[in-house]
Every structure is written in structure tokens, then in C-alpha cells.
C-alpha atoms as a PDB file:
ATOM      1  CA  MET A   1      10.258 -15.327  -0.469  1.00  0.00           C
ATOM      2  CA  HIS A   2      13.126 -14.899  -3.054  1.00  0.00           C
ATOM      3  CA  ILE A   3      12.068 -15.630  -6.976  1.00  0.00           C
ATOM      4  CA  ASP A   4      15.223 -17.626  -7.104  1.00  0.00           C
ATOM      5  CA  ASN A   5      13.777 -20.195  -4.304  1.00  0.00           C
ATOM      6  CA  LEU A   6       9.946 -20.279  -6.161  1.00  0.00           C
ATOM      7  CA  ILE A   7      11.951 -21.404  -9.302  1.00  0.00           C
ATOM      8  CA  LYS A   8      13.790 -24.023  -7.863  1.00  0.00           C
ATOM      9  CA  MET A   9      10.414 -25.438  -6.183  1.00  0.00           C
ATOM     10  CA  ALA A  10       8.583 -25.098  -9.100  1.00  0.00           C
ATOM     11  CA  ASN A  11      10.857 -26.603 -11.350  1.00  0.00           C
ATOM     12  CA  GLN A  12      10.987 -29.127  -8.192  1.00  0.00           C
ATOM     13  CA  ILE A  13       6.963 -29.406  -9.169  1.00  0.00           C
ATOM     14  CA  GLY A  14       7.598 -29.329 -13.130  1.00  0.00           C
ATOM     15  CA  SER A  15       9.905 -32.571 -12.929  1.00  0.00           C
ATOM     16  CA  PHE A  16       7.309 -34.117 -10.980  1.00  0.00           C
ATOM     17  CA  PHE A  17       4.533 -33.223 -13.872  1.00  0.00           C
ATOM     18  CA  SER A  18       6.359 -33.760 -16.933  1.00  0.00           C
ATOM     19  CA  THR A  19       6.450 -37.515 -15.515  1.00  0.00           C
ATOM     20  CA  MET A  20       2.621 -38.083 -16.760  1.00  0.00           C
ATOM     21  CA  PRO A  21       2.477 -39.772 -19.702  1.00  0.00           C
ATOM     22  CA  ASP A  22      -0.440 -37.423 -21.032  1.00  0.00           C
ATOM     23  CA  HIS A  23       0.971 -33.392 -21.729  1.00  0.00           C
ATOM     24  CA  GLU A  24      -2.133 -31.947 -21.353  1.00  0.00           C
ATOM     25  CA  GLN A  25      -3.537 -33.596 -18.254  1.00  0.00           C
ATOM     26  CA  ALA A  26       0.280 -32.573 -16.959  1.00  0.00           C
ATOM     27  CA  VAL A  27       0.267 -29.025 -17.724  1.00  0.00           C
ATOM     28  CA  THR A  28      -3.274 -29.155 -15.668  1.00  0.00           C
ATOM     29  CA  ASP A  29      -2.313 -30.551 -12.840  1.00  0.00           C
ATOM     30  CA  LEU A  30       0.594 -28.196 -12.440  1.00  0.00           C
ATOM     31  CA  ALA A  31      -1.971 -25.664 -12.466  1.00  0.00           C
ATOM     32  CA  SER A  32      -3.736 -26.699 -10.215  1.00  0.00           C
ATOM     33  CA  HIS A  33      -1.462 -27.656  -7.726  1.00  0.00           C
ATOM     34  CA  LEU A  34       0.161 -24.139  -7.718  1.00  0.00           C
ATOM     35  CA  LYS A  35      -2.888 -22.901  -7.755  1.00  0.00           C
ATOM     36  CA  ARG A  36      -3.816 -25.570  -4.305  1.00  0.00           C
ATOM     37  CA  PHE A  37      -0.553 -25.199  -2.518  1.00  0.00           C
ATOM     38  CA  TRP A  38       1.372 -22.059  -3.350  1.00  0.00           C
ATOM     39  CA  ASP A  39       0.157 -18.952  -1.093  1.00  0.00           C
ATOM     40  CA  PRO A  40      -1.532 -16.474  -3.499  1.00  0.00           C
ATOM     41  CA  ARG A  41       1.536 -14.106  -2.574  1.00  0.00           C
ATOM     42  CA  MET A  42       4.252 -16.883  -4.393  1.00  0.00           C
ATOM     43  CA  ARG A  43       1.600 -17.411  -7.532  1.00  0.00           C
ATOM     44  CA  LYS A  44       1.909 -13.097  -7.780  1.00  0.00           C
ATOM     45  CA  ALA A  45       6.098 -12.781  -7.991  1.00  0.00           C
ATOM     46  CA  LEU A  46       5.503 -16.300 -10.052  1.00  0.00           C
ATOM     47  CA  LEU A  47       3.475 -14.526 -12.293  1.00  0.00           C
ATOM     48  CA  ALA A  48       5.315 -10.916 -12.488  1.00  0.00           C
ATOM     49  CA  TYR A  49       8.826 -13.403 -12.420  1.00  0.00           C
ATOM     50  CA  VAL A  50       7.386 -14.631 -16.205  1.00  0.00           C
ATOM     51  CA  GLU A  51       5.876 -11.256 -17.383  1.00  0.00           C
ATOM     52  CA  GLN A  52       8.916  -9.849 -16.504  1.00  0.00           C
ATOM     53  CA  GLU A  53      11.566 -11.823 -17.962  1.00  0.00           C
ATOM     54  CA  GLY A  54       9.782 -14.294 -19.890  1.00  0.00           C
ATOM     55  CA  GLY A  55      10.070 -17.288 -17.126  1.00  0.00           C
ATOM     56  CA  THR A  56      13.347 -18.619 -18.974  1.00  0.00           C
ATOM     57  CA  GLU A  57      14.757 -20.595 -15.213  1.00  0.00           C
ATOM     58  CA  LEU A  58      11.766 -22.505 -15.852  1.00  0.00           C
ATOM     59  CA  ASN A  59      10.893 -25.915 -16.916  1.00  0.00           C
ATOM     60  CA  PRO A  60       9.543 -25.699 -19.866  1.00  0.00           C
ATOM     61  CA  LEU A  61       6.139 -27.762 -18.280  1.00  0.00           C
ATOM     62  CA  VAL A  62       6.156 -24.655 -15.649  1.00  0.00           C
ATOM     63  CA  LEU A  63       6.903 -21.998 -17.945  1.00  0.00           C
ATOM     64  CA  GLU A  64       3.527 -23.302 -19.898  1.00  0.00           C
ATOM     65  CA  ALA A  65       1.270 -23.775 -17.621  1.00  0.00           C
ATOM     66  CA  VAL A  66       1.320 -20.854 -15.645  1.00  0.00           C
ATOM     67  CA  LYS A  67       1.018 -19.161 -19.386  1.00  0.00           C
ATOM     68  CA  LEU A  68      -1.876 -21.047 -20.010  1.00  0.00           C
ATOM     69  CA  HIS A  69      -3.884 -20.900 -16.893  1.00  0.00           C
ATOM     70  CA  THR A  70      -2.632 -17.571 -15.735  1.00  0.00           C
ATOM     71  CA  ALA A  71      -5.843 -16.277 -15.003  1.00  0.00           C
ATOM     72  CA  THR A  72      -6.851 -18.910 -12.819  1.00  0.00           C
ATOM     73  CA  LEU A  73      -3.010 -18.788 -10.939  1.00  0.00           C
ATOM     74  CA  ALA A  74      -3.699 -14.789 -10.547  1.00  0.00           C
END
């Protein structure tokens, strides 16, 4: 899957979770969603994008979730 598609999907997920009133819970739930529903190859590509390019195109909530939960998502 192309990284642009992964970024788009991750940002859509981030938009959903950004409506949660508890920011910390939203970050945790977002990471959990990626872990449960994304194929390991998709997660690996997203993690590589964040590591190599900084994740600048990601929703800030997604970027935070990926950075805080890298070990879980790998």
C-alpha cells in the first residue's frame, strides 16, 4: 500500500479519535485501533514514514500516538 493512502487513512482515524474528550485516552485508543485493524505491513510502513520523514503530513494526534506507542505498533 502506498504511504499516501496510509497517511490519508491514519488521518481519518485521527479525526475520529480527536473528538474524544480525554486526550490521553484518545491517543491510546488510536494506537490500539491501528494495532488491531491494520496489517503489520501497513503499521511498519507508517512507522518507517514517521522515523524517516518525521510524519509531518499526519494529524498531530496520529503522530503522537505513533511516537508514544511505537513498540506496540511494531
